[in-house]
Amino acid sequence: VRALGRAAVAVNLGSAVVAGGSPLVQASRGGETRTLTFGVRATGELDLTVGAVQLSGAGEFSVSQPLGSSTLALGQSTTFQVSFTSTMAGTFNATASFTTNDPDRPTFSIPIQFDVSPVSIGGRVFEDW
């Protein structure tokens, strides 16, 4: 007996669809913590199974909230969060990925880039001699 249909995955960041493989470029300032919340939804005819989120790349990134569920029925969704904190300016890259039973996307990878600008301190400095 063979099941008809297949599992399919859709990922979003807010209202934007995440294609996977295409880098998400974000801006930040030194010392600022940014958290990205990704939604994962089952869009196929079969239940979607997803593995734990793996993160590779710069140490300034972390999985701050893992996936809430590992099996999703059609139309169900769950989320995970990736946080980023840097105290210095520069460009930082990481890739968040997880496995699925979607035959078109057995591994869904999301390259993330943060461009961090330096902290600007305005005003005047006074010395008291």
N, C-alpha and C. Protein backbone atom coordinates (compact mmCIF):
# COMPACT_ATOMS: atom_id res chain seq x y z
N VAL A 1 0.86 -1.18 0.00
CA VAL A 1 0.00 0.00 0.00
C VAL A 1 0.89 1.23 0.00
N ARG A 2 0.61 2.14 -0.89
CA ARG A 2 1.41 3.36 -1.00
C ARG A 2 0.49 4.56 -0.78
N ALA A 3 0.96 5.51 0.04
CA ALA A 3 0.16 6.70 0.33
C ALA A 3 0.20 7.64 -0.86
N LEU A 4 -0.92 8.24 -1.15
CA LEU A 4 -0.98 9.26 -2.20
C LEU A 4 -0.70 10.61 -1.57
N GLY A 5 -0.22 11.54 -2.36
CA GLY A 5 0.07 12.87 -1.85
C GLY A 5 1.49 12.95 -1.33
N ARG A 6 1.81 14.11 -0.82
CA ARG A 6 3.15 14.32 -0.30
C ARG A 6 3.14 15.47 0.69
N ALA A 7 4.17 15.52 1.48
CA ALA A 7 4.33 16.61 2.44
C ALA A 7 4.99 17.79 1.74
N ALA A 8 4.68 19.00 2.20
CA ALA A 8 5.32 20.20 1.66
C ALA A 8 5.48 21.21 2.78
N VAL A 9 6.55 22.00 2.69
CA VAL A 9 6.86 22.99 3.73
C VAL A 9 6.82 24.39 3.15
N ALA A 10 6.34 25.34 3.95
CA ALA A 10 6.40 26.78 3.62
C ALA A 10 6.95 27.49 4.85
N VAL A 11 7.85 28.45 4.62
CA VAL A 11 8.48 29.19 5.71
C VAL A 11 8.27 30.67 5.48
N ASN A 12 7.99 31.40 6.56
CA ASN A 12 7.83 32.84 6.45
C ASN A 12 8.56 33.55 7.58
N LEU A 13 8.87 34.81 7.33
CA LEU A 13 9.43 35.72 8.33
C LEU A 13 8.49 36.92 8.32
N GLY A 14 7.62 36.99 9.33
CA GLY A 14 6.55 37.98 9.30
C GLY A 14 5.62 37.64 8.16
N SER A 15 5.32 38.60 7.31
CA SER A 15 4.44 38.34 6.17
C SER A 15 5.21 37.96 4.91
N ALA A 16 6.53 37.95 4.99
CA ALA A 16 7.36 37.64 3.82
C ALA A 16 7.63 36.14 3.73
N VAL A 17 7.49 35.60 2.52
CA VAL A 17 7.80 34.19 2.27
C VAL A 17 9.31 34.05 2.20
N VAL A 18 9.84 33.03 2.87
CA VAL A 18 11.27 32.74 2.83
C VAL A 18 11.49 31.63 1.82
N ALA A 19 12.28 31.91 0.79
CA ALA A 19 12.49 30.95 -0.29
C ALA A 19 13.46 29.84 0.11
N GLY A 20 14.30 30.09 1.07
CA GLY A 20 15.33 29.12 1.41
C GLY A 20 16.43 29.20 0.38
N GLY A 21 17.66 29.26 0.82
CA GLY A 21 18.78 29.40 -0.09
C GLY A 21 19.10 30.84 -0.43
N SER A 22 18.11 31.72 -0.40
CA SER A 22 18.33 33.14 -0.66
C SER A 22 18.66 33.84 0.67
N PRO A 23 19.74 34.61 0.73
CA PRO A 23 20.12 35.22 2.00
C PRO A 23 19.12 36.27 2.48
N LEU A 24 18.87 36.24 3.77
CA LEU A 24 18.06 37.28 4.42
C LEU A 24 19.05 38.30 4.98
N VAL A 25 19.01 39.51 4.46
CA VAL A 25 19.94 40.54 4.91
C VAL A 25 19.20 41.46 5.88
N GLN A 26 19.77 41.62 7.05
CA GLN A 26 19.19 42.44 8.11
C GLN A 26 20.21 43.48 8.55
N ALA A 27 19.72 44.58 9.12
CA ALA A 27 20.60 45.62 9.63
C ALA A 27 20.47 45.68 11.15
N SER A 28 21.57 46.04 11.80
CA SER A 28 21.59 46.14 13.26
C SER A 28 22.64 47.16 13.66
N ARG A 29 22.61 47.57 14.92
CA ARG A 29 23.66 48.43 15.48
C ARG A 29 24.42 47.66 16.53
N GLY A 30 25.66 48.01 16.72
CA GLY A 30 26.48 47.35 17.74
C GLY A 30 25.80 47.39 19.10
N GLY A 31 25.80 46.27 19.80
CA GLY A 31 25.20 46.18 21.12
C GLY A 31 23.72 45.86 21.11
N GLU A 32 23.10 45.86 19.96
CA GLU A 32 21.67 45.60 19.84
C GLU A 32 21.41 44.10 19.65
N THR A 33 20.37 43.59 20.29
CA THR A 33 19.95 42.20 20.07
C THR A 33 18.73 42.21 19.16
N ARG A 34 18.78 41.42 18.11
CA ARG A 34 17.66 41.29 17.17
C ARG A 34 17.21 39.84 17.18
N THR A 35 15.91 39.63 17.17
CA THR A 35 15.35 38.28 17.14
C THR A 35 14.45 38.14 15.92
N LEU A 36 14.69 37.11 15.14
CA LEU A 36 13.89 36.81 13.96
C LEU A 36 13.00 35.62 14.28
N THR A 37 11.69 35.76 14.07
CA THR A 37 10.75 34.67 14.31
C THR A 37 10.30 34.11 12.96
N PHE A 38 10.62 32.85 12.73
CA PHE A 38 10.27 32.17 11.49
C PHE A 38 9.06 31.27 11.72
N GLY A 39 8.11 31.32 10.81
CA GLY A 39 6.97 30.42 10.84
C GLY A 39 7.20 29.28 9.87
N VAL A 40 6.84 28.07 10.28
CA VAL A 40 6.96 26.87 9.44
C VAL A 40 5.56 26.27 9.34
N ARG A 41 5.07 26.06 8.10
CA ARG A 41 3.71 25.60 7.90
C ARG A 41 3.68 24.39 6.96
N ALA A 42 2.79 23.46 7.27
CA ALA A 42 2.57 22.28 6.41
C ALA A 42 1.59 22.65 5.31
N THR A 43 2.00 22.50 4.05
CA THR A 43 1.16 22.89 2.93
C THR A 43 0.83 21.74 1.99
N GLY A 44 1.33 20.55 2.27
CA GLY A 44 1.09 19.41 1.38
C GLY A 44 -0.13 18.61 1.80
N GLU A 45 -0.27 17.42 1.22
CA GLU A 45 -1.40 16.55 1.55
C GLU A 45 -1.11 15.62 2.72
N LEU A 46 0.16 15.40 3.05
CA LEU A 46 0.55 14.53 4.16
C LEU A 46 1.11 15.37 5.30
N ASP A 47 1.13 14.78 6.50
CA ASP A 47 1.73 15.47 7.65
C ASP A 47 3.18 15.82 7.32
N LEU A 48 3.61 16.97 7.80
CA LEU A 48 4.99 17.43 7.63
C LEU A 48 5.76 17.12 8.89
N THR A 49 6.90 16.47 8.74
CA THR A 49 7.79 16.26 9.89
C THR A 49 9.01 17.14 9.71
N VAL A 50 9.43 17.77 10.79
CA VAL A 50 10.58 18.67 10.76
C VAL A 50 11.55 18.29 11.87
N GLY A 51 12.83 18.38 11.55
CA GLY A 51 13.87 18.11 12.54
C GLY A 51 14.24 19.37 13.29
N ALA A 52 15.10 19.22 14.27
CA ALA A 52 15.56 20.35 15.09
C ALA A 52 16.31 21.35 14.23
N VAL A 53 16.22 22.62 14.59
CA VAL A 53 16.92 23.68 13.87
C VAL A 53 18.40 23.62 14.23
N GLN A 54 19.22 23.58 13.20
CA GLN A 54 20.68 23.61 13.36
C GLN A 54 21.17 24.98 12.90
N LEU A 55 22.17 25.50 13.57
CA LEU A 55 22.70 26.82 13.23
C LEU A 55 24.20 26.71 13.05
N SER A 56 24.69 27.19 11.91
CA SER A 56 26.13 27.20 11.67
C SER A 56 26.54 28.60 11.27
N GLY A 57 27.77 28.96 11.61
CA GLY A 57 28.26 30.29 11.25
C GLY A 57 28.75 31.06 12.45
N ALA A 58 28.62 32.38 12.38
CA ALA A 58 29.15 33.28 13.41
C ALA A 58 28.55 32.98 14.78
N GLY A 59 29.37 33.10 15.81
CA GLY A 59 28.95 32.84 17.19
C GLY A 59 27.98 33.85 17.75
N GLU A 60 27.76 34.95 17.05
CA GLU A 60 26.82 35.98 17.50
C GLU A 60 25.36 35.55 17.32
N PHE A 61 25.13 34.45 16.60
CA PHE A 61 23.78 33.93 16.35
C PHE A 61 23.48 32.80 17.33
N SER A 62 22.20 32.66 17.69
CA SER A 62 21.76 31.53 18.51
C SER A 62 20.31 31.20 18.19
N VAL A 63 19.94 29.94 18.40
CA VAL A 63 18.53 29.54 18.31
C VAL A 63 17.94 29.85 19.68
N SER A 64 17.17 30.92 19.76
CA SER A 64 16.64 31.36 21.05
C SER A 64 15.32 30.68 21.39
N GLN A 65 14.66 30.10 20.38
CA GLN A 65 13.44 29.30 20.62
C GLN A 65 13.42 28.20 19.56
N PRO A 66 13.46 26.93 19.99
CA PRO A 66 13.42 25.84 19.01
C PRO A 66 12.02 25.69 18.42
N LEU A 67 11.90 24.85 17.42
CA LEU A 67 10.59 24.54 16.83
C LEU A 67 9.65 24.03 17.91
N GLY A 68 8.40 24.48 17.87
CA GLY A 68 7.43 24.09 18.88
C GLY A 68 6.85 22.70 18.66
N SER A 69 6.93 22.17 17.46
CA SER A 69 6.36 20.86 17.15
C SER A 69 7.19 20.22 16.05
N SER A 70 7.25 18.89 16.06
CA SER A 70 8.03 18.21 15.03
C SER A 70 7.15 17.54 13.97
N THR A 71 5.84 17.48 14.21
CA THR A 71 4.91 16.94 13.22
C THR A 71 3.74 17.90 13.07
N LEU A 72 3.49 18.31 11.82
CA LEU A 72 2.43 19.27 11.54
C LEU A 72 1.44 18.68 10.54
N ALA A 73 0.15 18.72 10.87
CA ALA A 73 -0.89 18.30 9.93
C ALA A 73 -1.08 19.43 8.91
N LEU A 74 -1.75 19.12 7.82
CA LEU A 74 -2.01 20.11 6.77
C LEU A 74 -2.57 21.40 7.36
N GLY A 75 -1.93 22.52 7.05
CA GLY A 75 -2.38 23.83 7.51
C GLY A 75 -1.85 24.23 8.87
N GLN A 76 -1.32 23.30 9.64
CA GLN A 76 -0.77 23.64 10.95
C GLN A 76 0.59 24.32 10.79
N SER A 77 0.94 25.12 11.80
CA SER A 77 2.23 25.80 11.75
C SER A 77 2.86 25.83 13.13
N THR A 78 4.13 26.12 13.16
CA THR A 78 4.91 26.29 14.38
C THR A 78 5.95 27.36 14.10
N THR A 79 6.67 27.78 15.11
CA THR A 79 7.68 28.82 14.92
C THR A 79 9.00 28.42 15.57
N PHE A 80 10.04 29.11 15.14
CA PHE A 80 11.33 29.07 15.84
C PHE A 80 11.94 30.45 15.74
N GLN A 81 12.87 30.75 16.65
CA GLN A 81 13.50 32.07 16.67
C GLN A 81 15.02 31.95 16.61
N VAL A 82 15.62 32.87 15.86
CA VAL A 82 17.07 33.02 15.81
C VAL A 82 17.38 34.41 16.32
N SER A 83 18.28 34.49 17.31
CA SER A 83 18.67 35.79 17.86
C SER A 83 20.09 36.12 17.44
N PHE A 84 20.37 37.40 17.36
CA PHE A 84 21.68 37.90 16.95
C PHE A 84 22.07 39.06 17.86
N THR A 85 23.29 39.02 18.39
CA THR A 85 23.83 40.13 19.19
C THR A 85 25.29 40.31 18.82
N SER A 86 25.68 41.54 18.53
CA SER A 86 27.08 41.85 18.27
C SER A 86 27.43 43.16 18.95
N THR A 87 28.62 43.21 19.51
CA THR A 87 29.07 44.45 20.14
C THR A 87 29.98 45.25 19.21
N MET A 88 30.25 44.72 18.03
CA MET A 88 31.12 45.45 17.10
C MET A 88 30.52 45.50 15.70
N ALA A 89 30.98 46.47 14.94
CA ALA A 89 30.50 46.64 13.57
C ALA A 89 31.08 45.56 12.66
N GLY A 90 30.37 45.28 11.57
CA GLY A 90 30.85 44.31 10.60
C GLY A 90 29.70 43.56 9.97
N THR A 91 30.05 42.57 9.16
CA THR A 91 29.07 41.71 8.52
C THR A 91 29.21 40.31 9.11
N PHE A 92 28.07 39.75 9.54
CA PHE A 92 28.06 38.45 10.21
C PHE A 92 27.08 37.53 9.48
N ASN A 93 27.49 36.29 9.27
CA ASN A 93 26.68 35.34 8.52
C ASN A 93 26.48 34.04 9.29
N ALA A 94 25.31 33.46 9.11
CA ALA A 94 25.00 32.15 9.67
C ALA A 94 23.94 31.51 8.78
N THR A 95 23.76 30.20 8.95
CA THR A 95 22.71 29.49 8.23
C THR A 95 21.91 28.67 9.22
N ALA A 96 20.59 28.90 9.23
CA ALA A 96 19.67 28.09 10.03
C ALA A 96 19.10 27.03 9.09
N SER A 97 19.08 25.78 9.52
CA SER A 97 18.55 24.73 8.66
C SER A 97 17.84 23.67 9.50
N PHE A 98 16.91 22.98 8.86
CA PHE A 98 16.21 21.87 9.49
C PHE A 98 15.80 20.89 8.41
N THR A 99 15.67 19.62 8.78
CA THR A 99 15.27 18.60 7.84
C THR A 99 13.74 18.50 7.80
N THR A 100 13.22 18.02 6.66
CA THR A 100 11.77 17.82 6.50
C THR A 100 11.55 16.55 5.69
N ASN A 101 10.30 16.12 5.63
CA ASN A 101 9.95 15.00 4.75
C ASN A 101 9.34 15.51 3.44
N ASP A 102 9.53 16.80 3.13
CA ASP A 102 9.13 17.37 1.84
C ASP A 102 10.14 16.87 0.81
N PRO A 103 9.71 16.10 -0.19
CA PRO A 103 10.68 15.56 -1.15
C PRO A 103 11.41 16.63 -1.96
N ASP A 104 10.82 17.82 -2.10
CA ASP A 104 11.49 18.90 -2.81
C ASP A 104 12.48 19.66 -1.93
N ARG A 105 12.30 19.58 -0.62
CA ARG A 105 13.16 20.30 0.33
C ARG A 105 13.48 19.42 1.53
N PRO A 106 14.28 18.38 1.32
CA PRO A 106 14.61 17.51 2.46
C PRO A 106 15.39 18.25 3.55
N THR A 107 16.13 19.27 3.15
CA THR A 107 16.76 20.18 4.12
C THR A 107 16.42 21.59 3.70
N PHE A 108 15.79 22.34 4.61
CA PHE A 108 15.43 23.73 4.34
C PHE A 108 16.49 24.59 4.99
N SER A 109 17.24 25.36 4.21
CA SER A 109 18.33 26.19 4.71
C SER A 109 18.02 27.66 4.50
N ILE A 110 18.31 28.45 5.53
CA ILE A 110 18.05 29.90 5.48
C ILE A 110 19.35 30.63 5.81
N PRO A 111 20.07 31.14 4.80
CA PRO A 111 21.25 31.95 5.08
C PRO A 111 20.81 33.31 5.65
N ILE A 112 21.45 33.73 6.73
CA ILE A 112 21.11 34.99 7.39
C ILE A 112 22.36 35.85 7.46
N GLN A 113 22.22 37.11 7.07
CA GLN A 113 23.34 38.05 7.15
C GLN A 113 22.90 39.28 7.93
N PHE A 114 23.70 39.67 8.90
CA PHE A 114 23.47 40.93 9.63
C PHE A 114 24.61 41.88 9.32
N ASP A 115 24.24 43.07 8.84
CA ASP A 115 25.20 44.15 8.63
C ASP A 115 25.07 45.08 9.83
N VAL A 116 26.13 45.13 10.64
CA VAL A 116 26.09 45.88 11.89
C VAL A 116 26.85 47.19 11.74
N SER A 117 26.17 48.28 12.03
CA SER A 117 26.81 49.59 11.99
C SER A 117 27.31 49.93 13.39
N PRO A 118 28.37 50.74 13.46
CA PRO A 118 28.90 51.10 14.78
C PRO A 118 27.92 51.98 15.54
N VAL A 119 28.05 51.95 16.85
CA VAL A 119 27.23 52.80 17.70
C VAL A 119 27.78 54.21 17.61
N SER A 120 26.90 55.17 17.36
CA SER A 120 27.29 56.57 17.27
C SER A 120 26.91 57.27 18.57
N ILE A 121 27.87 57.93 19.14
CA ILE A 121 27.61 58.68 20.37
C ILE A 121 27.64 60.16 20.01
N GLY A 122 26.49 60.78 20.10
CA GLY A 122 26.39 62.20 19.76
C GLY A 122 26.65 63.07 20.98
N GLY A 123 26.79 64.34 20.74
CA GLY A 123 26.98 65.28 21.84
C GLY A 123 28.43 65.70 21.98
N ARG A 124 28.71 66.41 23.06
CA ARG A 124 30.06 66.90 23.30
C ARG A 124 30.65 66.23 24.52
N VAL A 125 31.94 66.11 24.49
CA VAL A 125 32.67 65.55 25.64
C VAL A 125 33.35 66.72 26.34
N PHE A 126 33.15 66.80 27.63
CA PHE A 126 33.78 67.86 28.43
C PHE A 126 34.78 67.24 29.37
N GLU A 127 35.92 67.92 29.50
CA GLU A 127 36.92 67.47 30.47
C GLU A 127 36.97 68.49 31.57
N ASP A 128 37.04 68.03 32.77
CA ASP A 128 37.11 68.90 33.92
C ASP A 128 38.51 68.84 34.50
N TRP A 129 39.29 69.90 34.29
CA TRP A 129 40.67 69.91 34.78
C TRP A 129 40.75 70.71 35.99
